[in-house]
Amino acid sequence: MIRRIINLLDRWFGTKEAHRNFLARALPGKIGVSYCLGGMAFTAFLVSVLTGLLLSIYYVPSGTEAYPSIVTLHNEVWFGWGIRSIHKWSANFLIIFVALHAVRVFLHKAYRPPRELNWMAGALGFVLIMASGFTGYLLPWDQKAYWATVVGTSMAKTVPGAGGLLVRLLRGGPEVAGATLVRFYSMHVLWIPFGLMLIFWTHFHMVKRQGISGGL
């Protein structure tokens, strides 16, 4: 049984053999721009991480200081408005590139064995990216961000049985307040990026092992 499990993991994940050359990989005969969407998404992710680190120097995740810190960033920090704009647009492009990448993989049927685990990893990564966008939307702590979060978290109430508990877990209490801001900030800058890095490593590892799908 253990050997069967190990063989199954090796078929999915390629755990037995070490990488010989990271940059060497077989490419399908016909390859175009659509095959670069995954790399473009990863580039957008790196830009988001870098600009997010710069923003974290001045941003204060507090119910009383979050919005003033954004105002300070825009009006007093040199090119602060530009860093925040780059962060916002790189996050938008990340979602767009991942969505287009998923469409390309689906149309080329690259989700079929032995790449089904890679497809699931990519789908989980997309969920985390959307969660990152949702948690980051609250951080400016203005009226639009506040009420959008109220509406978004209220949707969890529709889950039968556990709706009330899910809302309290998301908000850190019964209402959207300072505790919600801190919780979303923690998820946005720590937990979700850490999960995405694991997903990306898994995804790229399996692409390296299995090669790039040649399409239909």
N, C-alpha and C. Protein backbone atom coordinates (compact mmCIF):
# COMPACT_ATOMS: atom_id res chain seq x y z
N MET A 1 0.83 -1.20 0.00
CA MET A 1 0.00 0.00 0.00
C MET A 1 0.87 1.26 0.00
N ILE A 2 1.91 1.26 0.86
CA ILE A 2 2.80 2.42 0.92
C ILE A 2 3.51 2.63 -0.41
N ARG A 3 3.93 1.53 -1.04
CA ARG A 3 4.61 1.64 -2.33
C ARG A 3 3.66 2.18 -3.39
N ARG A 4 2.42 1.76 -3.34
CA ARG A 4 1.44 2.27 -4.30
C ARG A 4 1.24 3.78 -4.13
N ILE A 5 1.17 4.21 -2.87
CA ILE A 5 1.00 5.64 -2.60
C ILE A 5 2.20 6.42 -3.10
N ILE A 6 3.41 5.88 -2.83
CA ILE A 6 4.63 6.56 -3.28
C ILE A 6 4.68 6.64 -4.80
N ASN A 7 4.31 5.55 -5.47
CA ASN A 7 4.30 5.54 -6.94
C ASN A 7 3.28 6.52 -7.50
N LEU A 8 2.13 6.62 -6.82
CA LEU A 8 1.10 7.56 -7.27
C LEU A 8 1.58 8.99 -7.12
N LEU A 9 2.21 9.31 -5.99
CA LEU A 9 2.74 10.65 -5.78
C LEU A 9 3.85 10.97 -6.78
N ASP A 10 4.66 9.95 -7.10
CA ASP A 10 5.72 10.17 -8.08
C ASP A 10 5.14 10.42 -9.46
N ARG A 11 4.04 9.73 -9.80
CA ARG A 11 3.40 9.94 -11.11
C ARG A 11 2.84 11.35 -11.20
N TRP A 12 2.28 11.83 -10.09
CA TRP A 12 1.71 13.16 -10.06
C TRP A 12 2.75 14.25 -9.89
N PHE A 13 3.70 14.00 -8.98
CA PHE A 13 4.56 15.06 -8.50
C PHE A 13 6.02 14.90 -8.90
N GLY A 14 6.42 13.70 -9.28
CA GLY A 14 7.80 13.48 -9.68
C GLY A 14 8.79 13.70 -8.55
N THR A 15 8.71 12.85 -7.53
CA THR A 15 9.50 13.08 -6.32
C THR A 15 10.80 12.28 -6.27
N LYS A 16 10.96 11.31 -7.14
CA LYS A 16 12.09 10.39 -7.01
C LYS A 16 13.37 10.91 -7.63
N GLU A 17 13.25 11.60 -8.76
CA GLU A 17 14.43 12.01 -9.50
C GLU A 17 14.73 13.48 -9.28
N ALA A 18 16.00 13.82 -9.07
CA ALA A 18 16.39 15.21 -8.85
C ALA A 18 16.39 15.97 -10.18
N HIS A 19 16.25 17.28 -10.11
CA HIS A 19 16.34 18.11 -11.30
C HIS A 19 17.77 18.11 -11.82
N ARG A 20 17.92 17.91 -13.11
CA ARG A 20 19.26 17.92 -13.71
C ARG A 20 19.66 19.33 -14.14
N ASN A 21 18.75 20.02 -14.77
CA ASN A 21 19.01 21.38 -15.23
C ASN A 21 17.71 22.15 -15.15
N PHE A 22 17.69 23.19 -14.32
CA PHE A 22 16.44 23.90 -14.07
C PHE A 22 15.89 24.55 -15.34
N LEU A 23 16.77 25.07 -16.19
CA LEU A 23 16.32 25.81 -17.36
C LEU A 23 16.08 24.92 -18.57
N ALA A 24 16.49 23.67 -18.52
CA ALA A 24 16.34 22.77 -19.66
C ALA A 24 15.00 22.05 -19.57
N ARG A 25 14.18 22.20 -20.59
CA ARG A 25 12.90 21.50 -20.62
C ARG A 25 12.45 21.32 -22.06
N ALA A 26 11.71 20.26 -22.30
CA ALA A 26 11.20 19.99 -23.64
C ALA A 26 10.02 20.91 -23.93
N LEU A 27 9.97 21.45 -25.15
CA LEU A 27 8.88 22.33 -25.55
C LEU A 27 8.09 21.68 -26.67
N PRO A 28 6.77 21.89 -26.71
CA PRO A 28 5.97 21.35 -27.80
C PRO A 28 6.33 22.01 -29.12
N GLY A 29 5.94 21.37 -30.23
CA GLY A 29 6.30 21.88 -31.54
C GLY A 29 5.73 23.26 -31.82
N LYS A 30 4.45 23.46 -31.46
CA LYS A 30 3.81 24.75 -31.69
C LYS A 30 3.63 25.46 -30.36
N ILE A 31 4.28 26.60 -30.22
CA ILE A 31 4.20 27.35 -28.98
C ILE A 31 4.06 28.83 -29.31
N GLY A 32 3.17 29.51 -28.60
CA GLY A 32 2.92 30.92 -28.88
C GLY A 32 2.84 31.73 -27.61
N VAL A 33 2.29 32.93 -27.74
CA VAL A 33 2.22 33.84 -26.61
C VAL A 33 1.34 33.26 -25.50
N SER A 34 0.33 32.47 -25.88
CA SER A 34 -0.58 31.93 -24.86
C SER A 34 0.15 31.02 -23.87
N TYR A 35 1.28 30.45 -24.30
CA TYR A 35 2.05 29.60 -23.39
C TYR A 35 2.87 30.42 -22.39
N CYS A 36 2.92 31.73 -22.59
CA CYS A 36 3.68 32.60 -21.68
C CYS A 36 2.81 33.21 -20.59
N LEU A 37 1.51 32.92 -20.60
CA LEU A 37 0.60 33.56 -19.65
C LEU A 37 0.93 33.20 -18.21
N GLY A 38 1.35 31.95 -17.98
CA GLY A 38 1.72 31.56 -16.62
C GLY A 38 2.92 32.34 -16.12
N GLY A 39 3.93 32.50 -16.97
CA GLY A 39 5.10 33.28 -16.59
C GLY A 39 4.77 34.75 -16.39
N MET A 40 3.86 35.28 -17.21
CA MET A 40 3.43 36.66 -17.05
C MET A 40 2.69 36.85 -15.72
N ALA A 41 1.88 35.86 -15.35
CA ALA A 41 1.18 35.92 -14.06
C ALA A 41 2.18 35.91 -12.91
N PHE A 42 3.20 35.06 -13.01
CA PHE A 42 4.20 35.00 -11.95
C PHE A 42 4.98 36.30 -11.86
N THR A 43 5.27 36.93 -12.99
CA THR A 43 5.95 38.23 -12.98
C THR A 43 5.09 39.27 -12.29
N ALA A 44 3.78 39.28 -12.59
CA ALA A 44 2.88 40.22 -11.93
C ALA A 44 2.83 39.96 -10.43
N PHE A 45 2.90 38.70 -10.03
CA PHE A 45 2.93 38.35 -8.60
C PHE A 45 4.18 38.92 -7.93
N LEU A 46 5.32 38.78 -8.58
CA LEU A 46 6.57 39.29 -8.01
C LEU A 46 6.52 40.82 -7.88
N VAL A 47 5.95 41.50 -8.88
CA VAL A 47 5.83 42.95 -8.81
C VAL A 47 4.90 43.33 -7.66
N SER A 48 3.82 42.58 -7.48
CA SER A 48 2.89 42.86 -6.38
C SER A 48 3.58 42.68 -5.03
N VAL A 49 4.39 41.64 -4.91
CA VAL A 49 5.10 41.40 -3.65
C VAL A 49 6.10 42.52 -3.38
N LEU A 50 6.87 42.91 -4.38
CA LEU A 50 7.87 43.96 -4.19
C LEU A 50 7.23 45.29 -3.82
N THR A 51 6.20 45.69 -4.55
CA THR A 51 5.53 46.96 -4.24
C THR A 51 4.79 46.88 -2.91
N GLY A 52 4.26 45.71 -2.58
CA GLY A 52 3.59 45.54 -1.29
C GLY A 52 4.56 45.70 -0.13
N LEU A 53 5.78 45.19 -0.30
CA LEU A 53 6.79 45.37 0.74
C LEU A 53 7.13 46.85 0.94
N LEU A 54 7.20 47.59 -0.16
CA LEU A 54 7.47 49.02 -0.05
C LEU A 54 6.31 49.76 0.62
N LEU A 55 5.10 49.38 0.28
CA LEU A 55 3.94 50.03 0.89
C LEU A 55 3.85 49.74 2.39
N SER A 56 4.27 48.54 2.78
CA SER A 56 4.17 48.16 4.19
C SER A 56 5.05 49.01 5.10
N ILE A 57 6.03 49.71 4.52
CA ILE A 57 6.90 50.57 5.32
C ILE A 57 6.11 51.74 5.92
N TYR A 58 5.11 52.23 5.17
CA TYR A 58 4.36 53.41 5.60
C TYR A 58 2.94 53.09 6.04
N TYR A 59 2.40 51.96 5.61
CA TYR A 59 1.01 51.66 5.95
C TYR A 59 0.89 51.23 7.41
N VAL A 60 -0.16 51.71 8.08
CA VAL A 60 -0.41 51.38 9.48
C VAL A 60 -1.75 50.64 9.56
N PRO A 61 -1.77 49.34 9.87
CA PRO A 61 -3.02 48.57 9.91
C PRO A 61 -3.80 48.82 11.19
N SER A 62 -4.34 50.00 11.32
CA SER A 62 -5.09 50.40 12.51
C SER A 62 -6.37 51.08 12.09
N GLY A 63 -7.42 50.87 12.85
CA GLY A 63 -8.69 51.48 12.52
C GLY A 63 -8.65 53.00 12.52
N THR A 64 -7.74 53.58 13.28
CA THR A 64 -7.65 55.04 13.35
C THR A 64 -6.54 55.61 12.47
N GLU A 65 -5.59 54.79 12.04
CA GLU A 65 -4.43 55.31 11.32
C GLU A 65 -4.29 54.77 9.90
N ALA A 66 -5.10 53.80 9.51
CA ALA A 66 -4.94 53.20 8.19
C ALA A 66 -5.20 54.22 7.08
N TYR A 67 -6.34 54.88 7.12
CA TYR A 67 -6.65 55.85 6.06
C TYR A 67 -5.68 57.04 6.07
N PRO A 68 -5.36 57.64 7.24
CA PRO A 68 -4.36 58.72 7.23
C PRO A 68 -3.00 58.28 6.68
N SER A 69 -2.62 57.02 6.91
CA SER A 69 -1.34 56.56 6.37
C SER A 69 -1.39 56.47 4.85
N ILE A 70 -2.55 56.16 4.29
CA ILE A 70 -2.71 56.14 2.83
C ILE A 70 -2.61 57.57 2.28
N VAL A 71 -3.24 58.52 2.97
CA VAL A 71 -3.16 59.92 2.56
C VAL A 71 -1.71 60.40 2.61
N THR A 72 -1.02 60.05 3.66
CA THR A 72 0.40 60.42 3.78
C THR A 72 1.22 59.81 2.66
N LEU A 73 0.94 58.57 2.35
CA LEU A 73 1.65 57.87 1.28
C LEU A 73 1.46 58.59 -0.05
N HIS A 74 0.26 59.08 -0.31
CA HIS A 74 -0.02 59.75 -1.57
C HIS A 74 0.56 61.16 -1.61
N ASN A 75 0.50 61.89 -0.51
CA ASN A 75 0.81 63.31 -0.54
C ASN A 75 2.22 63.67 -0.08
N GLU A 76 2.83 62.83 0.73
CA GLU A 76 4.10 63.20 1.33
C GLU A 76 5.26 62.28 0.95
N VAL A 77 4.98 61.02 0.68
CA VAL A 77 6.05 60.07 0.34
C VAL A 77 6.38 60.20 -1.14
N TRP A 78 7.67 60.34 -1.45
CA TRP A 78 8.07 60.49 -2.85
C TRP A 78 7.66 59.26 -3.66
N PHE A 79 6.89 59.49 -4.71
CA PHE A 79 6.40 58.45 -5.62
C PHE A 79 5.55 57.40 -4.90
N GLY A 80 5.02 57.75 -3.73
CA GLY A 80 4.18 56.80 -3.02
C GLY A 80 2.94 56.45 -3.80
N TRP A 81 2.35 57.47 -4.45
CA TRP A 81 1.15 57.21 -5.25
C TRP A 81 1.46 56.26 -6.41
N GLY A 82 2.67 56.38 -6.95
CA GLY A 82 3.05 55.51 -8.07
C GLY A 82 3.25 54.07 -7.63
N ILE A 83 3.88 53.87 -6.48
CA ILE A 83 4.08 52.53 -5.96
C ILE A 83 2.73 51.86 -5.70
N ARG A 84 1.80 52.62 -5.11
CA ARG A 84 0.48 52.06 -4.83
C ARG A 84 -0.26 51.74 -6.13
N SER A 85 -0.13 52.59 -7.13
CA SER A 85 -0.78 52.32 -8.42
C SER A 85 -0.19 51.09 -9.10
N ILE A 86 1.13 50.94 -9.05
CA ILE A 86 1.76 49.76 -9.63
C ILE A 86 1.30 48.50 -8.90
N HIS A 87 1.20 48.59 -7.58
CA HIS A 87 0.72 47.45 -6.79
C HIS A 87 -0.70 47.07 -7.20
N LYS A 88 -1.55 48.06 -7.36
CA LYS A 88 -2.93 47.80 -7.74
C LYS A 88 -3.03 47.18 -9.12
N TRP A 89 -2.32 47.74 -10.09
CA TRP A 89 -2.44 47.24 -11.46
C TRP A 89 -1.75 45.90 -11.65
N SER A 90 -0.66 45.67 -10.94
CA SER A 90 -0.03 44.35 -11.04
C SER A 90 -0.93 43.28 -10.47
N ALA A 91 -1.69 43.61 -9.40
CA ALA A 91 -2.64 42.65 -8.85
C ALA A 91 -3.77 42.38 -9.84
N ASN A 92 -4.24 43.43 -10.52
CA ASN A 92 -5.28 43.23 -11.53
C ASN A 92 -4.79 42.37 -12.69
N PHE A 93 -3.57 42.66 -13.16
CA PHE A 93 -3.01 41.86 -14.25
C PHE A 93 -2.76 40.42 -13.81
N LEU A 94 -2.42 40.23 -12.55
CA LEU A 94 -2.23 38.86 -12.04
C LEU A 94 -3.51 38.05 -12.20
N ILE A 95 -4.63 38.62 -11.81
CA ILE A 95 -5.91 37.92 -11.95
C ILE A 95 -6.22 37.65 -13.40
N ILE A 96 -6.00 38.66 -14.26
CA ILE A 96 -6.31 38.50 -15.69
C ILE A 96 -5.44 37.41 -16.32
N PHE A 97 -4.14 37.45 -16.05
CA PHE A 97 -3.22 36.47 -16.66
C PHE A 97 -3.53 35.05 -16.16
N VAL A 98 -3.83 34.91 -14.88
CA VAL A 98 -4.15 33.57 -14.35
C VAL A 98 -5.44 33.04 -14.98
N ALA A 99 -6.43 33.91 -15.13
CA ALA A 99 -7.69 33.49 -15.74
C ALA A 99 -7.47 33.06 -17.20
N LEU A 100 -6.70 33.85 -17.95
CA LEU A 100 -6.41 33.49 -19.34
C LEU A 100 -5.57 32.22 -19.43
N HIS A 101 -4.64 32.06 -18.50
CA HIS A 101 -3.82 30.85 -18.45
C HIS A 101 -4.70 29.63 -18.21
N ALA A 102 -5.67 29.75 -17.31
CA ALA A 102 -6.58 28.64 -17.03
C ALA A 102 -7.43 28.29 -18.26
N VAL A 103 -7.86 29.32 -18.98
CA VAL A 103 -8.64 29.09 -20.21
C VAL A 103 -7.80 28.35 -21.24
N ARG A 104 -6.54 28.77 -21.39
CA ARG A 104 -5.65 28.10 -22.35
C ARG A 104 -5.44 26.65 -21.98
N VAL A 105 -5.21 26.37 -20.70
CA VAL A 105 -5.00 25.00 -20.24
C VAL A 105 -6.25 24.17 -20.47
N PHE A 106 -7.41 24.75 -20.21
CA PHE A 106 -8.67 24.03 -20.40
C PHE A 106 -8.92 23.72 -21.87
N LEU A 107 -8.70 24.70 -22.74
CA LEU A 107 -8.93 24.49 -24.17
C LEU A 107 -7.97 23.47 -24.75
N HIS A 108 -6.75 23.43 -24.25
CA HIS A 108 -5.76 22.47 -24.73
C HIS A 108 -5.83 21.14 -24.00
N LYS A 109 -6.78 21.03 -23.07
CA LYS A 109 -7.01 19.80 -22.30
C LYS A 109 -5.76 19.34 -21.56
N ALA A 110 -5.02 20.31 -21.06
CA ALA A 110 -3.80 19.99 -20.32
C ALA A 110 -4.09 19.62 -18.87
N TYR A 111 -5.36 19.52 -18.53
CA TYR A 111 -5.76 19.10 -17.18
C TYR A 111 -5.87 17.59 -17.06
N ARG A 112 -5.73 16.88 -18.18
CA ARG A 112 -5.88 15.42 -18.18
C ARG A 112 -4.65 14.75 -17.58
N PRO A 113 -4.78 13.49 -17.13
CA PRO A 113 -3.64 12.75 -16.57
C PRO A 113 -2.46 12.76 -17.54
N PRO A 114 -1.25 12.93 -17.05
CA PRO A 114 -0.85 12.94 -15.62
C PRO A 114 -0.80 14.34 -15.00
N ARG A 115 -1.49 15.32 -15.60
CA ARG A 115 -1.39 16.70 -15.14
C ARG A 115 -2.59 17.14 -14.30
N GLU A 116 -3.41 16.20 -13.83
CA GLU A 116 -4.60 16.61 -13.09
C GLU A 116 -4.27 17.28 -11.77
N LEU A 117 -3.18 16.84 -11.10
CA LEU A 117 -2.79 17.47 -9.85
C LEU A 117 -2.28 18.89 -10.09
N ASN A 118 -1.61 19.10 -11.20
CA ASN A 118 -1.15 20.43 -11.55
C ASN A 118 -2.33 21.37 -11.80
N TRP A 119 -3.38 20.85 -12.43
CA TRP A 119 -4.60 21.64 -12.66
C TRP A 119 -5.23 22.03 -11.32
N MET A 120 -5.28 21.08 -10.38
CA MET A 120 -5.87 21.37 -9.07
C MET A 120 -5.04 22.40 -8.32
N ALA A 121 -3.71 22.31 -8.44
CA ALA A 121 -2.85 23.30 -7.79
C ALA A 121 -3.08 24.68 -8.37
N GLY A 122 -3.22 24.75 -9.68
CA GLY A 122 -3.50 26.03 -10.31
C GLY A 122 -4.85 26.60 -9.90
N ALA A 123 -5.87 25.73 -9.80
CA ALA A 123 -7.20 26.19 -9.38
C ALA A 123 -7.16 26.72 -7.95
N LEU A 124 -6.42 26.03 -7.06
CA LEU A 124 -6.28 26.50 -5.69
C LEU A 124 -5.53 27.83 -5.65
N GLY A 125 -4.52 27.97 -6.49
CA GLY A 125 -3.80 29.23 -6.57
C GLY A 125 -4.70 30.38 -7.00
N PHE A 126 -5.61 30.11 -7.94
CA PHE A 126 -6.53 31.15 -8.39
C PHE A 126 -7.47 31.58 -7.25
N VAL A 127 -7.92 30.61 -6.45
CA VAL A 127 -8.77 30.93 -5.29
C VAL A 127 -8.01 31.82 -4.31
N LEU A 128 -6.75 31.50 -4.06
CA LEU A 128 -5.94 32.31 -3.14
C LEU A 128 -5.69 33.71 -3.70
N ILE A 129 -5.52 33.81 -5.00
CA ILE A 129 -5.31 35.12 -5.62
C ILE A 129 -6.56 35.99 -5.47
N MET A 130 -7.73 35.39 -5.67
CA MET A 130 -8.97 36.14 -5.48
C MET A 130 -9.14 36.54 -4.02
N ALA A 131 -8.75 35.66 -3.10
CA ALA A 131 -8.81 36.00 -1.67
C ALA A 131 -7.85 37.13 -1.35
N SER A 132 -6.70 37.15 -2.00
CA SER A 132 -5.75 38.23 -1.78
C SER A 132 -6.33 39.56 -2.24
N GLY A 133 -7.01 39.55 -3.38
CA GLY A 133 -7.64 40.77 -3.86
C GLY A 133 -8.74 41.25 -2.93
N PHE A 134 -9.51 40.31 -2.39
CA PHE A 134 -10.60 40.67 -1.48
C PHE A 134 -10.07 41.25 -0.18
N THR A 135 -9.06 40.63 0.39
CA THR A 135 -8.51 41.13 1.65
C THR A 135 -7.79 42.46 1.46
N GLY A 136 -7.13 42.63 0.32
CA GLY A 136 -6.42 43.88 0.07
C GLY A 136 -7.34 45.05 -0.18
N TYR A 137 -8.57 44.76 -0.63
CA TYR A 137 -9.50 45.84 -0.95
C TYR A 137 -9.89 46.64 0.28
N LEU A 138 -9.88 46.01 1.47
CA LEU A 138 -10.28 46.69 2.70
C LEU A 138 -9.20 47.61 3.23
N LEU A 139 -7.95 47.37 2.89
CA LEU A 139 -6.83 48.03 3.57
C LEU A 139 -6.84 49.55 3.49
N PRO A 140 -7.32 50.20 2.42
CA PRO A 140 -7.38 51.68 2.45
C PRO A 140 -8.31 52.22 3.53
N TRP A 141 -9.24 51.40 3.99
CA TRP A 141 -10.12 51.75 5.11
C TRP A 141 -10.94 53.01 4.84
N ASP A 142 -11.40 53.16 3.59
CA ASP A 142 -12.30 54.25 3.27
C ASP A 142 -13.73 53.71 3.19
N GLN A 143 -14.67 54.57 2.83
CA GLN A 143 -16.07 54.17 2.83
C GLN A 143 -16.35 53.06 1.81
N LYS A 144 -15.77 53.20 0.62
CA LYS A 144 -16.00 52.19 -0.41
C LYS A 144 -15.46 50.83 0.02
N ALA A 145 -14.25 50.81 0.58
CA ALA A 145 -13.65 49.55 1.03
C ALA A 145 -14.44 48.95 2.18
N TYR A 146 -14.89 49.81 3.10
CA TYR A 146 -15.63 49.32 4.27
C TYR A 146 -16.93 48.64 3.86
N TRP A 147 -17.74 49.33 3.06
CA TRP A 147 -19.04 48.77 2.73
C TRP A 147 -18.94 47.60 1.76
N ALA A 148 -17.93 47.59 0.91
CA ALA A 148 -17.71 46.43 0.04
C ALA A 148 -17.37 45.20 0.88
N THR A 149 -16.61 45.40 1.94
CA THR A 149 -16.26 44.28 2.83
C THR A 149 -17.47 43.82 3.63
N VAL A 150 -18.30 44.78 4.05
CA VAL A 150 -19.54 44.41 4.75
C VAL A 150 -20.40 43.51 3.87
N VAL A 151 -20.57 43.90 2.61
CA VAL A 151 -21.37 43.11 1.69
C VAL A 151 -20.71 41.77 1.39
N GLY A 152 -19.39 41.80 1.14
CA GLY A 152 -18.68 40.56 0.79
C GLY A 152 -18.68 39.54 1.89
N THR A 153 -18.42 39.98 3.12
CA THR A 153 -18.41 39.03 4.24
C THR A 153 -19.81 38.56 4.59
N SER A 154 -20.82 39.39 4.32
CA SER A 154 -22.20 39.00 4.62
C SER A 154 -22.64 37.81 3.77
N MET A 155 -22.00 37.62 2.62
CA MET A 155 -22.36 36.49 1.77
C MET A 155 -22.11 35.16 2.45
N ALA A 156 -21.17 35.15 3.41
CA ALA A 156 -20.89 33.90 4.12
C ALA A 156 -22.08 33.43 4.95
N LYS A 157 -23.01 34.35 5.25
CA LYS A 157 -24.18 33.98 6.03
C LYS A 157 -25.08 32.98 5.30
N THR A 158 -24.94 32.92 3.98
CA THR A 158 -25.79 32.02 3.19
C THR A 158 -25.37 30.56 3.32
N VAL A 159 -24.21 30.29 3.91
CA VAL A 159 -23.77 28.90 4.09
C VAL A 159 -24.65 28.25 5.15
N PRO A 160 -25.33 27.16 4.82
CA PRO A 160 -26.26 26.54 5.78
C PRO A 160 -25.53 26.07 7.04
N GLY A 161 -26.09 26.43 8.18
CA GLY A 161 -25.56 25.94 9.45
C GLY A 161 -24.38 26.71 9.98
N ALA A 162 -23.36 26.91 9.15
CA ALA A 162 -22.12 27.52 9.61
C ALA A 162 -21.97 28.97 9.18
N GLY A 163 -23.00 29.59 8.59
CA GLY A 163 -22.90 30.94 8.07
C GLY A 163 -22.50 31.96 9.11
N GLY A 164 -23.16 31.93 10.27
CA GLY A 164 -22.84 32.90 11.32
C GLY A 164 -21.42 32.77 11.82
N LEU A 165 -20.95 31.52 11.97
CA LEU A 165 -19.58 31.29 12.43
C LEU A 165 -18.57 31.78 11.40
N LEU A 166 -18.84 31.55 10.13
CA LEU A 166 -17.92 31.99 9.08
C LEU A 166 -17.81 33.51 9.05
N VAL A 167 -18.92 34.19 9.23
CA VAL A 167 -18.89 35.65 9.23
C VAL A 167 -18.03 36.17 10.37
N ARG A 168 -18.18 35.59 11.56
CA ARG A 168 -17.39 36.01 12.71
C ARG A 168 -15.91 35.70 12.50
N LEU A 169 -15.61 34.58 11.85
CA LEU A 169 -14.21 34.24 11.58
C LEU A 169 -13.60 35.23 10.59
N LEU A 170 -14.37 35.63 9.59
CA LEU A 170 -13.86 36.57 8.60
C LEU A 170 -13.66 37.96 9.20
N ARG A 171 -14.65 38.40 9.99
CA ARG A 171 -14.62 39.76 10.51
C ARG A 171 -13.84 39.90 11.81
N GLY A 172 -13.61 38.80 12.49
CA GLY A 172 -13.00 38.89 13.81
C GLY A 172 -13.96 39.39 14.86
N GLY A 173 -15.25 39.31 14.57
CA GLY A 173 -16.29 39.78 15.47
C GLY A 173 -17.61 39.87 14.71
N PRO A 174 -18.64 40.41 15.33
CA PRO A 174 -19.94 40.48 14.66
C PRO A 174 -20.01 41.52 13.56
N GLU A 175 -19.18 42.57 13.63
CA GLU A 175 -19.21 43.65 12.66
C GLU A 175 -17.83 43.86 12.05
N VAL A 176 -17.81 44.56 10.90
CA VAL A 176 -16.54 44.96 10.29
C VAL A 176 -15.97 46.11 11.10
N ALA A 177 -14.82 45.89 11.70
CA ALA A 177 -14.21 46.89 12.60
C ALA A 177 -12.69 46.80 12.49
N GLY A 178 -12.02 47.41 13.46
CA GLY A 178 -10.56 47.39 13.44
C GLY A 178 -9.98 46.00 13.47
N ALA A 179 -10.65 45.09 14.18
CA ALA A 179 -10.17 43.70 14.23
C ALA A 179 -10.23 43.06 12.84
N THR A 180 -11.24 43.43 12.05
CA THR A 180 -11.34 42.93 10.68
C THR A 180 -10.18 43.42 9.84
N LEU A 181 -9.84 44.70 10.00
CA LEU A 181 -8.73 45.28 9.25
C LEU A 181 -7.43 44.57 9.55
N VAL A 182 -7.14 44.32 10.82
CA VAL A 182 -5.91 43.63 11.20
C VAL A 182 -5.91 42.21 10.66
N ARG A 183 -7.07 41.54 10.74
CA ARG A 183 -7.16 40.16 10.25
C ARG A 183 -6.94 40.11 8.75
N PHE A 184 -7.54 41.02 8.01
CA PHE A 184 -7.37 41.04 6.57
C PHE A 184 -5.93 41.41 6.19
N TYR A 185 -5.34 42.32 6.94
CA TYR A 185 -3.95 42.70 6.67
C TYR A 185 -3.02 41.50 6.87
N SER A 186 -3.24 40.75 7.93
CA SER A 186 -2.43 39.56 8.20
C SER A 186 -2.57 38.54 7.08
N MET A 187 -3.81 38.32 6.64
CA MET A 187 -4.03 37.36 5.55
C MET A 187 -3.38 37.86 4.25
N HIS A 188 -3.49 39.17 4.01
CA HIS A 188 -3.04 39.73 2.74
C HIS A 188 -1.53 39.74 2.59
N VAL A 189 -0.81 40.00 3.69
CA VAL A 189 0.64 40.16 3.58
C VAL A 189 1.42 38.95 4.08
N LEU A 190 0.78 38.02 4.80
CA LEU A 190 1.50 36.88 5.35
C LEU A 190 0.97 35.55 4.84
N TRP A 191 -0.24 35.19 5.25
CA TRP A 191 -0.74 33.84 5.02
C TRP A 191 -1.00 33.55 3.54
N ILE A 192 -1.68 34.46 2.86
CA ILE A 192 -1.99 34.21 1.45
C ILE A 192 -0.73 34.21 0.58
N PRO A 193 0.19 35.19 0.71
CA PRO A 193 1.43 35.10 -0.09
C PRO A 193 2.24 33.84 0.20
N PHE A 194 2.28 33.41 1.46
CA PHE A 194 3.00 32.17 1.78
C PHE A 194 2.34 30.99 1.08
N GLY A 195 1.01 30.92 1.12
CA GLY A 195 0.31 29.84 0.43
C GLY A 195 0.53 29.89 -1.07
N LEU A 196 0.54 31.09 -1.64
CA LEU A 196 0.75 31.23 -3.08
C LEU A 196 2.15 30.79 -3.48
N MET A 197 3.15 31.10 -2.67
CA MET A 197 4.51 30.67 -2.99
C MET A 197 4.62 29.14 -2.99
N LEU A 198 3.95 28.48 -2.05
CA LEU A 198 3.93 27.02 -2.05
C LEU A 198 3.24 26.47 -3.29
N ILE A 199 2.11 27.10 -3.65
CA ILE A 199 1.36 26.66 -4.83
C ILE A 199 2.20 26.86 -6.09
N PHE A 200 2.84 28.02 -6.21
CA PHE A 200 3.66 28.28 -7.39
C PHE A 200 4.82 27.30 -7.48
N TRP A 201 5.46 27.01 -6.34
CA TRP A 201 6.56 26.05 -6.36
C TRP A 201 6.06 24.68 -6.82
N THR A 202 4.93 24.25 -6.28
CA THR A 202 4.35 22.97 -6.68
C THR A 202 4.02 22.96 -8.15
N HIS A 203 3.42 24.03 -8.62
CA HIS A 203 3.00 24.15 -10.01
C HIS A 203 4.21 24.08 -10.95
N PHE A 204 5.24 24.88 -10.66
CA PHE A 204 6.42 24.91 -11.52
C PHE A 204 7.19 23.59 -11.44
N HIS A 205 7.21 22.98 -10.27
CA HIS A 205 7.89 21.69 -10.11
C HIS A 205 7.26 20.65 -11.03
N MET A 206 5.94 20.59 -11.05
CA MET A 206 5.27 19.57 -11.86
C MET A 206 5.39 19.89 -13.36
N VAL A 207 5.40 21.18 -13.71
CA VAL A 207 5.63 21.54 -15.12
C VAL A 207 7.02 21.09 -15.55
N LYS A 208 8.00 21.26 -14.66
CA LYS A 208 9.36 20.83 -14.97
C LYS A 208 9.42 19.31 -15.13
N ARG A 209 8.71 18.60 -14.27
CA ARG A 209 8.74 17.14 -14.34
C ARG A 209 8.01 16.59 -15.57
N GLN A 210 6.83 17.14 -15.83
CA GLN A 210 5.95 16.57 -16.83
C GLN A 210 6.10 17.21 -18.21
N GLY A 211 6.76 18.38 -18.25
CA GLY A 211 6.88 19.10 -19.50
C GLY A 211 5.65 19.92 -19.79
N ILE A 212 5.72 20.73 -20.84
CA ILE A 212 4.61 21.58 -21.25
C ILE A 212 3.73 20.81 -22.21
N SER A 213 2.43 20.87 -21.95
CA SER A 213 1.49 20.14 -22.80
C SER A 213 1.52 20.68 -24.22
N GLY A 214 1.47 19.77 -25.16
CA GLY A 214 1.50 20.16 -26.57
C GLY A 214 0.18 20.56 -27.14
N GLY A 215 -0.87 20.57 -26.31
CA GLY A 215 -2.19 20.96 -26.81
C GLY A 215 -3.05 19.76 -27.08
N LEU A 216 -4.00 19.94 -28.02
CA LEU A 216 -4.98 18.90 -28.31
C LEU A 216 -4.33 17.66 -28.89
